[in-house]
PDB file of all heavy atoms in Angstrom:
ATOM      1  N   GLU A   1     -53.679  30.372  13.272  1.00  0.00           N
ATOM      2  CA  GLU A   1     -53.991  31.365  14.330  1.00  0.00           C
ATOM      3  C   GLU A   1     -55.378  31.991  14.126  1.00  0.00           C
ATOM      4  O   GLU A   1     -56.187  32.202  14.964  1.00  0.00           O
ATOM      5  CB  GLU A   1     -52.966  32.413  14.369  1.00  0.00           C
ATOM      6  CG  GLU A   1     -53.054  33.445  15.412  1.00  0.00           C
ATOM      7  CD  GLU A   1     -54.024  34.655  15.053  1.00  0.00           C
ATOM      8  OE1 GLU A   1     -54.297  34.763  13.785  1.00  0.00           O
ATOM      9  OE2 GLU A   1     -54.389  35.409  15.935  1.00  0.00           O
ATOM     10  N   SER A   2     -55.604  32.212  12.787  1.00  0.00           N
ATOM     11  CA  SER A   2     -56.985  32.932  12.463  1.00  0.00           C
ATOM     12  C   SER A   2     -58.187  31.850  12.824  1.00  0.00           C
ATOM     13  O   SER A   2     -59.116  32.388  13.384  1.00  0.00           O
ATOM     14  CB  SER A   2     -57.167  33.146  10.935  1.00  0.00           C
ATOM     15  OG  SER A   2     -56.266  34.193  10.569  1.00  0.00           O
ATOM     16  N   THR A   3     -57.971  30.655  12.620  1.00  0.00           N
ATOM     17  CA  THR A   3     -58.990  29.703  13.021  1.00  0.00           C
ATOM     18  C   THR A   3     -59.309  29.684  14.588  1.00  0.00           C
ATOM     19  O   THR A   3     -60.335  29.709  15.040  1.00  0.00           O
ATOM     20  CB  THR A   3     -58.629  28.291  12.612  1.00  0.00           C
ATOM     21  OG1 THR A   3     -58.407  28.220  11.146  1.00  0.00           O
ATOM     22  CG2 THR A   3     -59.806  27.313  12.976  1.00  0.00           C
ATOM     23  N   VAL A   4     -58.048  29.631  15.278  1.00  0.00           N
ATOM     24  CA  VAL A   4     -58.209  29.660  16.778  1.00  0.00           C
ATOM     25  C   VAL A   4     -58.634  30.996  17.350  1.00  0.00           C
ATOM     26  O   VAL A   4     -59.474  30.985  18.293  1.00  0.00           O
ATOM     27  CB  VAL A   4     -56.743  29.317  17.320  1.00  0.00           C
ATOM     28  CG1 VAL A   4     -56.925  29.508  18.917  1.00  0.00           C
ATOM     29  CG2 VAL A   4     -56.363  27.904  17.057  1.00  0.00           C
ATOM     30  N   GLN A   5     -58.239  32.089  16.842  1.00  0.00           N
ATOM     31  CA  GLN A   5     -58.652  33.434  17.299  1.00  0.00           C
ATOM     32  C   GLN A   5     -60.226  33.637  17.060  1.00  0.00           C
ATOM     33  O   GLN A   5     -60.828  33.995  17.998  1.00  0.00           O
ATOM     34  CB  GLN A   5     -57.894  34.472  16.568  1.00  0.00           C
ATOM     35  CG  GLN A   5     -58.346  35.889  17.047  1.00  0.00           C
ATOM     36  CD  GLN A   5     -57.638  37.068  16.228  1.00  0.00           C
ATOM     37  OE1 GLN A   5     -58.234  38.020  16.107  1.00  0.00           O
ATOM     38  NE2 GLN A   5     -56.429  36.719  15.681  1.00  0.00           N
ATOM     39  N   VAL A   6     -60.707  33.304  15.844  1.00  0.00           N
ATOM     40  CA  VAL A   6     -62.100  33.511  15.485  1.00  0.00           C
ATOM     41  C   VAL A   6     -63.012  32.475  16.457  1.00  0.00           C
ATOM     42  O   VAL A   6     -64.050  32.937  16.783  1.00  0.00           O
ATOM     43  CB  VAL A   6     -62.348  33.505  14.047  1.00  0.00           C
ATOM     44  CG1 VAL A   6     -63.874  33.577  13.756  1.00  0.00           C
ATOM     45  CG2 VAL A   6     -61.566  34.569  13.305  1.00  0.00           C
ATOM     46  N   ALA A   7     -62.535  31.264  16.375  1.00  0.00           N
ATOM     47  CA  ALA A   7     -63.217  30.330  17.354  1.00  0.00           C
ATOM     48  C   ALA A   7     -63.439  30.785  18.784  1.00  0.00           C
ATOM     49  O   ALA A   7     -64.380  30.591  19.454  1.00  0.00           O
ATOM     50  CB  ALA A   7     -62.561  28.955  17.148  1.00  0.00           C
ATOM     51  N   GLN A   8     -62.218  31.314  19.276  1.00  0.00           N
ATOM     52  CA  GLN A   8     -62.360  31.831  20.587  1.00  0.00           C
ATOM     53  C   GLN A   8     -63.376  32.966  20.750  1.00  0.00           C
ATOM     54  O   GLN A   8     -64.080  32.917  21.804  1.00  0.00           O
ATOM     55  CB  GLN A   8     -60.872  32.276  21.136  1.00  0.00           C
ATOM     56  CG  GLN A   8     -59.877  31.256  21.400  1.00  0.00           C
ATOM     57  CD  GLN A   8     -58.632  31.757  21.965  1.00  0.00           C
ATOM     58  OE1 GLN A   8     -58.597  32.971  22.300  1.00  0.00           O
ATOM     59  NE2 GLN A   8     -57.580  30.892  22.081  1.00  0.00           N
ATOM     60  N   ASP A   9     -63.350  33.858  19.836  1.00  0.00           N
ATOM     61  CA  ASP A   9     -64.309  34.906  19.918  1.00  0.00           C
ATOM     62  C   ASP A   9     -65.784  34.320  19.818  1.00  0.00           C
ATOM     63  O   ASP A   9     -66.656  34.778  20.596  1.00  0.00           O
ATOM     64  CB  ASP A   9     -64.084  35.896  18.686  1.00  0.00           C
ATOM     65  CG  ASP A   9     -62.909  36.633  18.772  1.00  0.00           C
ATOM     66  OD1 ASP A   9     -62.193  36.603  19.987  1.00  0.00           O
ATOM     67  OD2 ASP A   9     -62.403  37.257  17.944  1.00  0.00           O
ATOM     68  N   MET A  10     -65.916  33.377  18.989  1.00  0.00           N
ATOM     69  CA  MET A  10     -67.207  32.711  18.837  1.00  0.00           C
ATOM     70  C   MET A  10     -67.717  32.088  20.104  1.00  0.00           C
ATOM     71  O   MET A  10     -68.875  32.141  20.425  1.00  0.00           O
ATOM     72  CB  MET A  10     -67.161  31.679  17.676  1.00  0.00           C
ATOM     73  CG  MET A  10     -68.504  31.029  17.316  1.00  0.00           C
ATOM     74  SD  MET A  10     -68.278  29.973  15.847  1.00  0.00           S
ATOM     75  CE  MET A  10     -67.213  28.509  16.481  1.00  0.00           C
ATOM     76  N   ILE A  11     -66.893  31.366  20.797  1.00  0.00           N
ATOM     77  CA  ILE A  11     -67.354  30.758  21.963  1.00  0.00           C
ATOM     78  C   ILE A  11     -67.133  31.556  23.266  1.00  0.00           C
ATOM     79  O   ILE A  11     -67.300  31.054  24.320  1.00  0.00           O
ATOM     80  CB  ILE A  11     -66.597  29.383  22.185  1.00  0.00           C
ATOM     81  CG1 ILE A  11     -65.142  29.546  22.480  1.00  0.00           C
ATOM     82  CG2 ILE A  11     -66.885  28.413  20.949  1.00  0.00           C
ATOM     83  CD1 ILE A  11     -64.358  28.240  22.583  1.00  0.00           C
ATOM     84  N   SER A  12     -66.571  32.724  23.081  1.00  0.00           N
ATOM     85  CA  SER A  12     -66.347  33.700  24.149  1.00  0.00           C
ATOM     86  C   SER A  12     -65.314  33.136  25.201  1.00  0.00           C
ATOM     87  O   SER A  12     -65.620  33.245  26.525  1.00  0.00           O
ATOM     88  CB  SER A  12     -67.574  34.126  24.774  1.00  0.00           C
ATOM     89  OG  SER A  12     -68.494  34.772  23.963  1.00  0.00           O
ATOM     90  N   LYS A  13     -64.246  32.570  24.735  1.00  0.00           N
ATOM     91  CA  LYS A  13     -63.164  31.944  25.668  1.00  0.00           C
ATOM     92  C   LYS A  13     -61.908  32.421  25.148  1.00  0.00           C
ATOM     93  O   LYS A  13     -61.249  31.727  24.242  1.00  0.00           O
ATOM     94  CB  LYS A  13     -63.329  30.488  25.730  1.00  0.00           C
ATOM     95  CG  LYS A  13     -64.495  29.850  26.493  1.00  0.00           C
ATOM     96  CD  LYS A  13     -64.322  28.410  26.589  1.00  0.00           C
ATOM     97  CE  LYS A  13     -65.514  27.759  27.315  1.00  0.00           C
ATOM     98  NZ  LYS A  13     -65.454  26.296  27.409  1.00  0.00           N
ATOM     99  N   ARG A  14     -61.445  33.591  25.515  1.00  0.00           N
ATOM    100  CA  ARG A  14     -60.194  34.038  25.107  1.00  0.00           C
ATOM    101  C   ARG A  14     -59.007  33.394  25.814  1.00  0.00           C
ATOM    102  O   ARG A  14     -59.013  33.387  27.032  1.00  0.00           O
ATOM    103  CB  ARG A  14     -60.125  35.553  25.165  1.00  0.00           C
ATOM    104  CG  ARG A  14     -58.844  36.157  24.769  1.00  0.00           C
ATOM    105  CD  ARG A  14     -58.821  37.718  24.641  1.00  0.00           C
ATOM    106  NE  ARG A  14     -57.532  38.220  24.358  1.00  0.00           N
ATOM    107  CZ  ARG A  14     -57.307  39.503  23.989  1.00  0.00           C
ATOM    108  NH1 ARG A  14     -58.322  40.362  23.685  1.00  0.00           N
ATOM    109  NH2 ARG A  14     -56.110  39.986  23.676  1.00  0.00           N
ATOM    110  N   ASP A  15     -58.014  33.035  25.089  1.00  0.00           N
ATOM    111  CA  ASP A  15     -56.701  32.474  25.678  1.00  0.00           C
ATOM    112  C   ASP A  15     -55.487  32.954  24.733  1.00  0.00           C
ATOM    113  O   ASP A  15     -55.347  32.317  23.691  1.00  0.00           O
ATOM    114  CB  ASP A  15     -56.806  31.049  25.855  1.00  0.00           C
ATOM    115  CG  ASP A  15     -55.515  30.475  26.681  1.00  0.00           C
ATOM    116  OD1 ASP A  15     -54.509  30.331  26.122  1.00  0.00           O
ATOM    117  OD2 ASP A  15     -55.758  30.268  27.967  1.00  0.00           O
ATOM    118  N   ASP A  16     -54.751  33.844  25.154  1.00  0.00           N
ATOM    119  CA  ASP A  16     -53.715  34.357  24.316  1.00  0.00           C
ATOM    120  C   ASP A  16     -52.540  33.312  24.030  1.00  0.00           C
ATOM    121  O   ASP A  16     -51.909  33.488  23.154  1.00  0.00           O
ATOM    122  CB  ASP A  16     -53.169  35.813  24.902  1.00  0.00           C
ATOM    123  CG  ASP A  16     -54.235  36.795  24.767  1.00  0.00           C
ATOM    124  OD1 ASP A  16     -55.259  36.567  23.955  1.00  0.00           O
ATOM    125  OD2 ASP A  16     -53.993  37.923  25.402  1.00  0.00           O
ATOM    126  N   THR A  17     -52.354  32.624  25.102  1.00  0.00           N
ATOM    127  CA  THR A  17     -51.228  31.584  24.960  1.00  0.00           C
ATOM    128  C   THR A  17     -51.615  30.483  23.814  1.00  0.00           C
ATOM    129  O   THR A  17     -50.716  30.201  22.974  1.00  0.00           O
ATOM    130  CB  THR A  17     -51.096  30.763  26.251  1.00  0.00           C
ATOM    131  OG1 THR A  17     -50.723  31.561  27.300  1.00  0.00           O
ATOM    132  CG2 THR A  17     -50.002  29.622  26.052  1.00  0.00           C
ATOM    133  N   LEU A  18     -52.807  30.105  23.648  1.00  0.00           N
ATOM    134  CA  LEU A  18     -53.239  29.278  22.632  1.00  0.00           C
ATOM    135  C   LEU A  18     -53.138  30.034  21.228  1.00  0.00           C
ATOM    136  O   LEU A  18     -52.688  29.410  20.289  1.00  0.00           O
ATOM    137  CB  LEU A  18     -54.700  28.756  22.784  1.00  0.00           C
ATOM    138  CG  LEU A  18     -54.918  27.406  23.408  1.00  0.00           C
ATOM    139  CD1 LEU A  18     -54.349  27.361  24.779  1.00  0.00           C
ATOM    140  CD2 LEU A  18     -56.401  27.013  23.363  1.00  0.00           C
ATOM    141  N   ILE A  19     -53.422  31.248  21.253  1.00  0.00           N
ATOM    142  CA  ILE A  19     -53.333  32.078  20.080  1.00  0.00           C
ATOM    143  C   ILE A  19     -51.804  32.078  19.563  1.00  0.00           C
ATOM    144  O   ILE A  19     -51.468  31.806  18.293  1.00  0.00           O
ATOM    145  CB  ILE A  19     -53.759  33.592  20.336  1.00  0.00           C
ATOM    146  CG1 ILE A  19     -55.261  33.694  20.492  1.00  0.00           C
ATOM    147  CG2 ILE A  19     -53.283  34.515  19.054  1.00  0.00           C
ATOM    148  CD1 ILE A  19     -56.069  33.489  19.312  1.00  0.00           C
ATOM    149  N   LYS A  20     -50.916  32.337  20.469  1.00  0.00           N
ATOM    150  CA  LYS A  20     -49.474  32.430  19.992  1.00  0.00           C
ATOM    151  C   LYS A  20     -48.977  31.058  19.647  1.00  0.00           C
ATOM    152  O   LYS A  20     -48.177  30.963  18.744  1.00  0.00           O
ATOM    153  CB  LYS A  20     -48.710  33.159  21.175  1.00  0.00           C
ATOM    154  CG  LYS A  20     -49.016  34.581  21.410  1.00  0.00           C
ATOM    155  CD  LYS A  20     -48.112  35.098  22.538  1.00  0.00           C
ATOM    156  CE  LYS A  20     -46.671  35.250  22.119  1.00  0.00           C
ATOM    157  NZ  LYS A  20     -45.855  35.858  23.102  1.00  0.00           N
ATOM    158  N   ALA A  21     -49.264  30.093  20.401  1.00  0.00           N
ATOM    159  CA  ALA A  21     -48.866  28.723  20.281  1.00  0.00           C
ATOM    160  C   ALA A  21     -49.271  28.247  18.843  1.00  0.00           C
ATOM    161  O   ALA A  21     -48.628  27.556  18.138  1.00  0.00           O
ATOM    162  CB  ALA A  21     -49.274  27.929  21.244  1.00  0.00           C
ATOM    163  N   SER A  22     -50.491  28.623  18.463  1.00  0.00           N
ATOM    164  CA  SER A  22     -51.216  28.012  17.213  1.00  0.00           C
ATOM    165  C   SER A  22     -50.369  28.725  16.016  1.00  0.00           C
ATOM    166  O   SER A  22     -50.348  28.239  14.876  1.00  0.00           O
ATOM    167  CB  SER A  22     -52.608  28.396  17.170  1.00  0.00           C
ATOM    168  OG  SER A  22     -52.869  29.745  17.061  1.00  0.00           O
ATOM    169  N   THR A  23     -49.847  29.877  16.121  1.00  0.00           N
ATOM    170  CA  THR A  23     -49.383  30.654  15.044  1.00  0.00           C
ATOM    171  C   THR A  23     -48.176  29.965  14.251  1.00  0.00           C
ATOM    172  O   THR A  23     -48.087  29.928  13.098  1.00  0.00           O
ATOM    173  CB  THR A  23     -48.780  31.942  15.590  1.00  0.00           C
ATOM    174  OG1 THR A  23     -49.845  32.867  16.257  1.00  0.00           O
ATOM    175  CG2 THR A  23     -48.237  32.813  14.401  1.00  0.00           C
ATOM    176  N   ILE A  24     -47.405  29.192  15.079  1.00  0.00           N
ATOM    177  CA  ILE A  24     -46.229  28.449  14.476  1.00  0.00           C
ATOM    178  C   ILE A  24     -46.687  27.202  13.595  1.00  0.00           C
ATOM    179  O   ILE A  24     -45.911  26.704  12.821  1.00  0.00           O
ATOM    180  CB  ILE A  24     -45.410  28.003  15.438  1.00  0.00           C
ATOM    181  CG1 ILE A  24     -43.884  27.835  14.961  1.00  0.00           C
ATOM    182  CG2 ILE A  24     -45.730  26.931  16.216  1.00  0.00           C
ATOM    183  CD1 ILE A  24     -42.793  27.646  15.985  1.00  0.00           C
ATOM    184  N   LEU A  25     -47.866  26.833  13.614  1.00  0.00           N
ATOM    185  CA  LEU A  25     -48.467  25.638  12.933  1.00  0.00           C
ATOM    186  C   LEU A  25     -48.957  26.007  11.640  1.00  0.00           C
ATOM    187  O   LEU A  25     -49.464  25.052  10.868  1.00  0.00           O
ATOM    188  CB  LEU A  25     -49.505  24.989  13.709  1.00  0.00           C
ATOM    189  CG  LEU A  25     -49.165  24.580  15.218  1.00  0.00           C
ATOM    190  CD1 LEU A  25     -50.245  23.845  15.800  1.00  0.00           C
ATOM    191  CD2 LEU A  25     -47.938  23.683  15.148  1.00  0.00           C
ATOM    192  N   ALA A  26     -48.989  27.219  11.213  1.00  0.00           N
ATOM    193  CA  ALA A  26     -49.517  27.767   9.995  1.00  0.00           C
ATOM    194  C   ALA A  26     -48.762  27.086   8.794  1.00  0.00           C
ATOM    195  O   ALA A  26     -47.697  26.762   8.844  1.00  0.00           O
ATOM    196  CB  ALA A  26     -49.426  29.260   9.818  1.00  0.00           C
ATOM    197  N   GLY A  27     -49.517  26.825   7.627  1.00  0.00           N
ATOM    198  CA  GLY A  27     -49.006  26.239   6.543  1.00  0.00           C
ATOM    199  C   GLY A  27     -48.440  24.962   6.668  1.00  0.00           C
ATOM    200  O   GLY A  27     -47.546  24.417   5.848  1.00  0.00           O
ATOM    201  N   GLY A  28     -48.987  24.147   7.525  1.00  0.00           N
ATOM    202  CA  GLY A  28     -48.711  22.787   7.669  1.00  0.00           C
ATOM    203  C   GLY A  28     -47.339  22.589   8.421  1.00  0.00           C
ATOM    204  O   GLY A  28     -46.378  21.973   7.940  1.00  0.00           O
ATOM    205  N   MET A  29     -47.339  23.123   9.699  1.00  0.00           N
ATOM    206  CA  MET A  29     -46.017  22.973  10.512  1.00  0.00           C
ATOM    207  C   MET A  29     -44.946  23.796  10.161  1.00  0.00           C
ATOM    208  O   MET A  29     -44.142  23.367   9.379  1.00  0.00           O
ATOM    209  CB  MET A  29     -45.540  21.477  10.744  1.00  0.00           C
ATOM    210  CG  MET A  29     -46.635  20.520  11.108  1.00  0.00           C
ATOM    211  SD  MET A  29     -47.351  20.667  12.715  1.00  0.00           S
ATOM    212  CE  MET A  29     -48.984  21.122  12.238  1.00  0.00           C
ATOM    213  N   VAL A  30     -44.948  25.113  10.391  1.00  0.00           N
ATOM    214  CA  VAL A  30     -43.978  26.030  10.139  1.00  0.00           C
ATOM    215  C   VAL A  30     -43.830  26.112   8.434  1.00  0.00           C
ATOM    216  O   VAL A  30     -42.832  25.980   7.872  1.00  0.00           O
ATOM    217  CB  VAL A  30     -42.567  25.864  10.609  1.00  0.00           C
ATOM    218  CG1 VAL A  30     -41.659  27.093  10.618  1.00  0.00           C
ATOM    219  CG2 VAL A  30     -42.679  25.303  11.968  1.00  0.00           C
ATOM    220  N   ALA A  31     -44.961  26.258   7.804  1.00  0.00           N
ATOM    221  CA  ALA A  31     -44.962  26.274   6.276  1.00  0.00           C
ATOM    222  C   ALA A  31     -44.518  25.139   5.548  1.00  0.00           C
ATOM    223  O   ALA A  31     -43.925  25.274   4.388  1.00  0.00           O
ATOM    224  CB  ALA A  31     -44.423  27.580   5.870  1.00  0.00           C
ATOM    225  N   SER A  32     -44.451  23.940   6.226  1.00  0.00           N
ATOM    226  CA  SER A  32     -43.935  22.805   5.728  1.00  0.00           C
ATOM    227  C   SER A  32     -44.815  22.040   4.911  1.00  0.00           C
ATOM    228  O   SER A  32     -44.327  20.819   4.414  1.00  0.00           O
ATOM    229  CB  SER A  32     -43.192  21.943   6.834  1.00  0.00           C
ATOM    230  OG  SER A  32     -42.238  22.685   7.456  1.00  0.00           O
ATOM    231  N   GLY A  33     -46.070  22.281   4.787  1.00  0.00           N
ATOM    232  CA  GLY A  33     -46.926  21.650   3.950  1.00  0.00           C
ATOM    233  C   GLY A  33     -47.701  20.388   4.432  1.00  0.00           C
ATOM    234  O   GLY A  33     -48.311  19.626   3.873  1.00  0.00           O
ATOM    235  N   SER A  34     -47.532  20.084   5.832  1.00  0.00           N
ATOM    236  CA  SER A  34     -48.157  18.980   6.428  1.00  0.00           C
ATOM    237  C   SER A  34     -49.669  19.340   6.747  1.00  0.00           C
ATOM    238  O   SER A  34     -50.214  19.978   6.029  1.00  0.00           O
ATOM    239  CB  SER A  34     -47.432  18.623   7.735  1.00  0.00           C
ATOM    240  OG  SER A  34     -47.914  17.415   8.348  1.00  0.00           O
ATOM    241  N   THR A  35     -50.214  18.903   7.879  1.00  0.00           N
ATOM    242  CA  THR A  35     -51.562  19.076   8.083  1.00  0.00           C
ATOM    243  C   THR A  35     -51.994  20.496   8.131  1.00  0.00           C
ATOM    244  O   THR A  35     -51.277  21.326   8.837  1.00  0.00           O
ATOM    245  CB  THR A  35     -52.029  18.414   9.442  1.00  0.00           C
ATOM    246  OG1 THR A  35     -51.782  17.075   9.485  1.00  0.00           O
ATOM    247  CG2 THR A  35     -53.541  18.685   9.796  1.00  0.00           C
ATOM    248  N   CYS A  36     -52.964  20.857   7.268  1.00  0.00           N
ATOM    249  CA  CYS A  36     -53.439  22.296   7.114  1.00  0.00           C
ATOM    250  C   CYS A  36     -53.656  22.992   8.419  1.00  0.00           C
ATOM    251  O   CYS A  36     -54.227  22.486   9.504  1.00  0.00           O
ATOM    252  CB  CYS A  36     -54.658  22.261   6.346  1.00  0.00           C
ATOM    253  SG  CYS A  36     -55.554  23.787   6.292  1.00  0.00           S
ATOM    254  N   GLY A  37     -53.219  24.307   8.511  1.00  0.00           N
ATOM    255  CA  GLY A  37     -53.421  25.018   9.706  1.00  0.00           C
ATOM    256  C   GLY A  37     -54.999  25.242  10.067  1.00  0.00           C
ATOM    257  O   GLY A  37     -55.238  25.347  11.302  1.00  0.00           O
ATOM    258  N   VAL A  38     -55.764  25.258   9.142  1.00  0.00           N
ATOM    259  CA  VAL A  38     -57.232  25.215   9.527  1.00  0.00           C
ATOM    260  C   VAL A  38     -57.710  23.999  10.290  1.00  0.00           C
ATOM    261  O   VAL A  38     -58.583  24.074  11.136  1.00  0.00           O
ATOM    262  CB  VAL A  38     -58.126  25.487   8.312  1.00  0.00           C
ATOM    263  CG1 VAL A  38     -59.562  25.617   8.729  1.00  0.00           C
ATOM    264  CG2 VAL A  38     -57.654  26.746   7.683  1.00  0.00           C
ATOM    265  N   VAL A  39     -57.123  22.887   9.831  1.00  0.00           N
ATOM    266  CA  VAL A  39     -57.436  21.659  10.544  1.00  0.00           C
ATOM    267  C   VAL A  39     -56.835  21.601  12.025  1.00  0.00           C
ATOM    268  O   VAL A  39     -57.568  21.248  12.828  1.00  0.00           O
ATOM    269  CB  VAL A  39     -56.831  20.408   9.698  1.00  0.00           C
ATOM    270  CG1 VAL A  39     -57.133  19.053  10.544  1.00  0.00           C
ATOM    271  CG2 VAL A  39     -57.610  20.407   8.323  1.00  0.00           C
ATOM    272  N   VAL A  40     -55.607  21.913  12.130  1.00  0.00           N
ATOM    273  CA  VAL A  40     -55.026  21.857  13.512  1.00  0.00           C
ATOM    274  C   VAL A  40     -55.567  22.995  14.344  1.00  0.00           C
ATOM    275  O   VAL A  40     -55.801  22.789  15.536  1.00  0.00           O
ATOM    276  CB  VAL A  40     -53.396  21.990  13.535  1.00  0.00           C
ATOM    277  CG1 VAL A  40     -52.919  20.732  12.824  1.00  0.00           C
ATOM    278  CG2 VAL A  40     -52.928  23.244  12.746  1.00  0.00           C
ATOM    279  N   GLY A  41     -55.914  24.160  13.765  1.00  0.00           N
ATOM    280  CA  GLY A  41     -56.548  25.224  14.538  1.00  0.00           C
ATOM    281  C   GLY A  41     -57.862  24.864  14.981  1.00  0.00           C
ATOM    282  O   GLY A  41     -58.357  25.177  16.093  1.00  0.00           O
ATOM    283  N   GLY A  42     -58.617  24.226  14.002  1.00  0.00           N
ATOM    284  CA  GLY A  42     -59.949  23.610  14.502  1.00  0.00           C
ATOM    285  C   GLY A  42     -59.945  22.680  15.546  1.00  0.00           C
ATOM    286  O   GLY A  42     -60.671  22.709  16.481  1.00  0.00           O
TER     287      GLY A  42
END
């Protein structure tokens, strides 16, 4: 979520649905250790 949120601010394209959707992917898919949230958020 932090990656998506700050990237949105950076490109001036806010979308709250993407913010909320991305939140569940933290820690590698619900904290499961898979692909890093910074990677999927990017």
